[in-house]
């Protein structure tokens, strides 16, 4: 799993640099996000610009990340969502949960 982290004063951007957000990387991604989100206090953004496929395990990781932010009284932002992934989020009605930019 490849990713980039861009820490700025007002936001932290986590860019997932892989094509598939699925069960193959879900556990490792969840562990990485927990570690990262516990240490930051600014706006957290997940950039899915390279992701073209997602399964239920991937959506579960995003939901977990959203919950971590909500516990800090913050809103998770997901940006650059591919049309296929966005459609899956709509089917699961997660477009109502996530702040998608």
N, C-alpha and C. Protein backbone atom coordinates (compact mmCIF):
# COMPACT_ATOMS: atom_id res chain seq x y z
N UNK A 1 0.85 -1.18 0.00
CA UNK A 1 0.00 0.00 0.00
C UNK A 1 0.89 1.24 0.00
N UNK A 2 0.61 2.12 -0.92
CA UNK A 2 1.37 3.37 -1.02
C UNK A 2 0.47 4.53 -0.67
N UNK A 3 1.05 5.50 0.02
CA UNK A 3 0.30 6.70 0.37
C UNK A 3 1.26 7.84 0.62
N UNK A 4 0.70 9.05 0.59
CA UNK A 4 1.46 10.26 0.90
C UNK A 4 0.71 11.03 1.97
N UNK A 5 1.45 11.67 2.85
CA UNK A 5 0.85 12.50 3.88
C UNK A 5 1.39 13.91 3.74
N UNK A 6 0.47 14.86 3.62
CA UNK A 6 0.83 16.27 3.49
C UNK A 6 0.28 17.00 4.71
N UNK A 7 1.16 17.26 5.68
CA UNK A 7 0.74 17.96 6.90
C UNK A 7 0.95 19.45 6.71
N UNK A 8 -0.13 20.19 6.82
CA UNK A 8 -0.10 21.64 6.73
C UNK A 8 -0.61 22.20 8.05
N UNK A 9 -0.55 23.50 8.22
CA UNK A 9 -0.96 24.07 9.50
C UNK A 9 -2.45 23.90 9.76
N UNK A 10 -3.26 24.03 8.70
CA UNK A 10 -4.71 23.97 8.90
C UNK A 10 -5.35 22.65 8.50
N UNK A 11 -4.59 21.78 7.80
CA UNK A 11 -5.15 20.50 7.35
C UNK A 11 -4.06 19.46 7.14
N UNK A 12 -4.49 18.20 7.17
CA UNK A 12 -3.62 17.08 6.85
C UNK A 12 -4.30 16.29 5.75
N UNK A 13 -3.57 16.08 4.65
CA UNK A 13 -4.13 15.34 3.51
C UNK A 13 -3.44 13.99 3.43
N UNK A 14 -4.27 12.95 3.45
CA UNK A 14 -3.79 11.57 3.30
C UNK A 14 -4.17 11.14 1.89
N UNK A 15 -3.17 10.99 1.01
CA UNK A 15 -3.44 10.59 -0.38
C UNK A 15 -3.11 9.12 -0.54
N UNK A 16 -4.13 8.35 -0.81
CA UNK A 16 -3.95 6.92 -1.05
C UNK A 16 -3.51 6.73 -2.49
N UNK A 17 -2.31 6.23 -2.69
CA UNK A 17 -1.72 6.10 -4.02
C UNK A 17 -1.80 4.65 -4.49
N UNK A 18 -3.01 4.15 -4.57
CA UNK A 18 -3.26 2.79 -5.05
C UNK A 18 -4.58 2.78 -5.81
N UNK A 19 -4.75 1.82 -6.70
CA UNK A 19 -5.96 1.78 -7.51
C UNK A 19 -7.15 1.14 -6.78
N UNK A 20 -6.87 0.22 -5.87
CA UNK A 20 -7.95 -0.51 -5.21
C UNK A 20 -7.95 -0.27 -3.71
N UNK A 21 -9.10 0.16 -3.23
CA UNK A 21 -9.33 0.29 -1.79
C UNK A 21 -10.21 -0.90 -1.42
N UNK A 22 -9.55 -2.02 -1.07
CA UNK A 22 -10.29 -3.25 -0.88
C UNK A 22 -9.74 -4.06 0.29
N UNK A 23 -10.22 -5.28 0.41
CA UNK A 23 -9.85 -6.14 1.54
C UNK A 23 -8.35 -6.43 1.61
N UNK A 24 -7.65 -6.30 0.50
CA UNK A 24 -6.21 -6.57 0.50
C UNK A 24 -5.42 -5.55 1.32
N UNK A 25 -5.91 -4.33 1.40
CA UNK A 25 -5.17 -3.29 2.13
C UNK A 25 -5.96 -2.74 3.33
N UNK A 26 -7.17 -3.19 3.53
CA UNK A 26 -8.05 -2.61 4.54
C UNK A 26 -7.43 -2.59 5.94
N UNK A 27 -6.89 -3.70 6.38
CA UNK A 27 -6.35 -3.78 7.74
C UNK A 27 -5.14 -2.84 7.91
N UNK A 28 -4.24 -2.85 6.94
CA UNK A 28 -3.06 -1.99 7.02
C UNK A 28 -3.46 -0.51 6.95
N UNK A 29 -4.42 -0.19 6.10
CA UNK A 29 -4.88 1.19 5.98
C UNK A 29 -5.54 1.66 7.26
N UNK A 30 -6.36 0.81 7.85
CA UNK A 30 -7.03 1.16 9.10
C UNK A 30 -6.00 1.46 10.20
N UNK A 31 -4.99 0.62 10.32
CA UNK A 31 -3.95 0.83 11.32
C UNK A 31 -3.22 2.15 11.09
N UNK A 32 -2.91 2.44 9.84
CA UNK A 32 -2.21 3.68 9.51
C UNK A 32 -3.07 4.90 9.84
N UNK A 33 -4.35 4.84 9.49
CA UNK A 33 -5.24 5.96 9.75
C UNK A 33 -5.45 6.20 11.24
N UNK A 34 -5.57 5.13 12.01
CA UNK A 34 -5.73 5.28 13.46
C UNK A 34 -4.52 6.02 14.03
N UNK A 35 -3.34 5.59 13.67
CA UNK A 35 -2.12 6.22 14.16
C UNK A 35 -2.07 7.70 13.76
N UNK A 36 -2.34 7.97 12.49
CA UNK A 36 -2.27 9.34 11.98
C UNK A 36 -3.34 10.23 12.61
N UNK A 37 -4.57 9.75 12.65
CA UNK A 37 -5.66 10.59 13.14
C UNK A 37 -5.57 10.85 14.64
N UNK A 38 -4.93 9.98 15.37
CA UNK A 38 -4.76 10.22 16.81
C UNK A 38 -3.75 11.33 17.07
N UNK A 39 -2.79 11.51 16.15
CA UNK A 39 -1.73 12.50 16.38
C UNK A 39 -2.04 13.89 15.82
N UNK A 40 -3.01 14.00 14.93
CA UNK A 40 -3.31 15.31 14.34
C UNK A 40 -4.53 15.94 14.99
N UNK A 41 -4.59 17.26 14.92
CA UNK A 41 -5.73 17.96 15.51
C UNK A 41 -6.38 18.92 14.51
N UNK A 42 -5.88 18.95 13.27
CA UNK A 42 -6.44 19.85 12.28
C UNK A 42 -7.40 19.10 11.36
N UNK A 43 -7.88 19.75 10.31
CA UNK A 43 -8.82 19.15 9.36
C UNK A 43 -8.17 17.96 8.66
N UNK A 44 -8.86 16.82 8.66
CA UNK A 44 -8.32 15.62 8.02
C UNK A 44 -9.04 15.37 6.71
N UNK A 45 -8.24 15.18 5.65
CA UNK A 45 -8.77 14.97 4.30
C UNK A 45 -8.17 13.69 3.74
N UNK A 46 -9.03 12.85 3.18
CA UNK A 46 -8.55 11.66 2.47
C UNK A 46 -8.73 11.91 0.98
N UNK A 47 -7.64 11.83 0.23
CA UNK A 47 -7.65 12.04 -1.21
C UNK A 47 -7.66 10.68 -1.90
N UNK A 48 -8.75 10.39 -2.61
CA UNK A 48 -8.88 9.11 -3.31
C UNK A 48 -8.69 9.26 -4.81
N UNK A 49 -7.90 10.24 -5.23
CA UNK A 49 -7.70 10.53 -6.64
C UNK A 49 -7.18 9.37 -7.47
N UNK A 50 -6.40 8.47 -6.90
CA UNK A 50 -5.85 7.34 -7.65
C UNK A 50 -6.71 6.09 -7.55
N UNK A 51 -7.70 6.09 -6.66
CA UNK A 51 -8.51 4.90 -6.41
C UNK A 51 -9.62 4.79 -7.46
N UNK A 52 -9.67 3.64 -8.13
CA UNK A 52 -10.71 3.40 -9.13
C UNK A 52 -11.67 2.28 -8.72
N UNK A 53 -11.28 1.48 -7.72
CA UNK A 53 -12.13 0.38 -7.25
C UNK A 53 -12.17 0.38 -5.73
N UNK A 54 -13.33 0.01 -5.21
CA UNK A 54 -13.52 -0.05 -3.76
C UNK A 54 -14.49 -1.17 -3.45
N UNK A 55 -14.29 -1.85 -2.34
CA UNK A 55 -15.26 -2.86 -1.91
C UNK A 55 -15.75 -2.52 -0.51
N UNK A 56 -16.54 -3.40 0.07
CA UNK A 56 -17.14 -3.13 1.38
C UNK A 56 -16.09 -2.96 2.47
N UNK A 57 -14.97 -3.64 2.36
CA UNK A 57 -13.89 -3.49 3.34
C UNK A 57 -13.30 -2.08 3.27
N UNK A 58 -13.16 -1.58 2.07
CA UNK A 58 -12.66 -0.22 1.89
C UNK A 58 -13.62 0.81 2.44
N UNK A 59 -14.91 0.62 2.18
CA UNK A 59 -15.92 1.53 2.72
C UNK A 59 -15.91 1.49 4.25
N UNK A 60 -15.71 0.31 4.79
CA UNK A 60 -15.66 0.15 6.25
C UNK A 60 -14.52 0.95 6.86
N UNK A 61 -13.37 0.95 6.20
CA UNK A 61 -12.22 1.73 6.68
C UNK A 61 -12.54 3.22 6.64
N UNK A 62 -13.19 3.67 5.58
CA UNK A 62 -13.56 5.08 5.48
C UNK A 62 -14.57 5.45 6.57
N UNK A 63 -15.51 4.57 6.84
CA UNK A 63 -16.48 4.81 7.92
C UNK A 63 -15.79 4.89 9.27
N UNK A 64 -14.81 4.02 9.49
CA UNK A 64 -14.06 4.04 10.74
C UNK A 64 -13.31 5.36 10.89
N UNK A 65 -12.71 5.81 9.80
CA UNK A 65 -11.98 7.08 9.82
C UNK A 65 -12.93 8.24 10.10
N UNK A 66 -14.11 8.19 9.51
CA UNK A 66 -15.12 9.22 9.75
C UNK A 66 -15.52 9.25 11.22
N UNK A 67 -15.66 8.07 11.82
CA UNK A 67 -16.02 8.00 13.24
C UNK A 67 -14.93 8.58 14.13
N UNK A 68 -13.67 8.34 13.79
CA UNK A 68 -12.57 8.91 14.57
C UNK A 68 -12.62 10.43 14.55
N UNK A 69 -12.93 10.99 13.38
CA UNK A 69 -13.03 12.45 13.28
C UNK A 69 -14.24 12.97 14.04
N UNK A 70 -15.37 12.28 13.93
CA UNK A 70 -16.58 12.69 14.63
C UNK A 70 -16.36 12.70 16.14
N UNK A 71 -15.59 11.74 16.65
CA UNK A 71 -15.28 11.70 18.09
C UNK A 71 -14.47 12.91 18.53
N UNK A 72 -13.77 13.55 17.58
CA UNK A 72 -13.01 14.77 17.86
C UNK A 72 -13.83 16.02 17.53
N UNK A 73 -15.12 15.81 17.24
CA UNK A 73 -16.02 16.90 16.83
C UNK A 73 -15.54 17.57 15.56
N UNK A 74 -15.04 16.77 14.64
CA UNK A 74 -14.57 17.26 13.35
C UNK A 74 -15.26 16.47 12.25
N UNK A 75 -15.12 16.95 11.04
CA UNK A 75 -15.74 16.31 9.88
C UNK A 75 -14.65 15.79 8.95
N UNK A 76 -14.75 14.52 8.57
CA UNK A 76 -13.83 13.94 7.60
C UNK A 76 -14.23 14.43 6.20
N UNK A 77 -13.25 14.86 5.43
CA UNK A 77 -13.48 15.25 4.05
C UNK A 77 -12.82 14.21 3.15
N UNK A 78 -13.57 13.75 2.15
CA UNK A 78 -13.03 12.83 1.15
C UNK A 78 -13.08 13.57 -0.18
N UNK A 79 -11.93 13.63 -0.86
CA UNK A 79 -11.90 14.38 -2.12
C UNK A 79 -11.37 13.53 -3.26
N UNK A 80 -11.65 14.03 -4.48
CA UNK A 80 -11.22 13.38 -5.72
C UNK A 80 -11.73 11.94 -5.83
N UNK A 81 -13.01 11.77 -5.58
CA UNK A 81 -13.61 10.44 -5.60
C UNK A 81 -13.99 10.07 -7.03
N UNK A 82 -13.49 8.94 -7.49
CA UNK A 82 -13.78 8.39 -8.81
C UNK A 82 -15.28 8.11 -8.94
N UNK A 83 -15.81 8.19 -10.15
CA UNK A 83 -17.25 7.99 -10.38
C UNK A 83 -17.73 6.62 -9.90
N UNK A 84 -16.93 5.57 -10.13
CA UNK A 84 -17.32 4.22 -9.68
C UNK A 84 -17.41 4.14 -8.17
N UNK A 85 -16.45 4.73 -7.50
CA UNK A 85 -16.43 4.71 -6.03
C UNK A 85 -17.57 5.58 -5.50
N UNK A 86 -17.81 6.70 -6.12
CA UNK A 86 -18.91 7.59 -5.71
C UNK A 86 -20.25 6.87 -5.86
N UNK A 87 -20.42 6.13 -6.96
CA UNK A 87 -21.66 5.37 -7.17
C UNK A 87 -21.86 4.33 -6.08
N UNK A 88 -20.77 3.65 -5.70
CA UNK A 88 -20.86 2.66 -4.62
C UNK A 88 -21.26 3.33 -3.31
N UNK A 89 -20.69 4.50 -3.04
CA UNK A 89 -21.05 5.24 -1.83
C UNK A 89 -22.52 5.64 -1.85
N UNK A 90 -23.02 6.02 -3.02
CA UNK A 90 -24.43 6.40 -3.13
C UNK A 90 -25.34 5.19 -2.91
N UNK A 91 -24.98 4.05 -3.47
CA UNK A 91 -25.77 2.83 -3.29
C UNK A 91 -25.85 2.47 -1.81
N UNK A 92 -24.73 2.61 -1.12
CA UNK A 92 -24.68 2.30 0.32
C UNK A 92 -25.19 3.46 1.17
N UNK A 93 -25.61 4.54 0.50
CA UNK A 93 -26.11 5.75 1.16
C UNK A 93 -25.06 6.42 2.05
N UNK A 94 -23.81 6.21 1.72
CA UNK A 94 -22.73 6.82 2.49
C UNK A 94 -22.41 8.22 1.99
N UNK A 95 -22.99 8.61 0.87
CA UNK A 95 -22.81 9.98 0.41
C UNK A 95 -23.46 10.95 1.39
N UNK A 96 -24.35 10.44 2.24
CA UNK A 96 -24.98 11.26 3.28
C UNK A 96 -24.09 11.36 4.52
N UNK A 97 -23.19 10.43 4.67
CA UNK A 97 -22.30 10.39 5.84
C UNK A 97 -21.02 11.16 5.59
N UNK A 98 -20.45 10.98 4.41
CA UNK A 98 -19.17 11.59 4.08
C UNK A 98 -19.36 12.97 3.49
N UNK A 99 -18.40 13.85 3.78
CA UNK A 99 -18.33 15.16 3.13
C UNK A 99 -17.43 14.96 1.92
N UNK A 100 -18.05 14.79 0.75
CA UNK A 100 -17.32 14.48 -0.47
C UNK A 100 -17.11 15.76 -1.27
N UNK A 101 -15.86 16.05 -1.58
CA UNK A 101 -15.52 17.25 -2.36
C UNK A 101 -15.03 16.84 -3.74
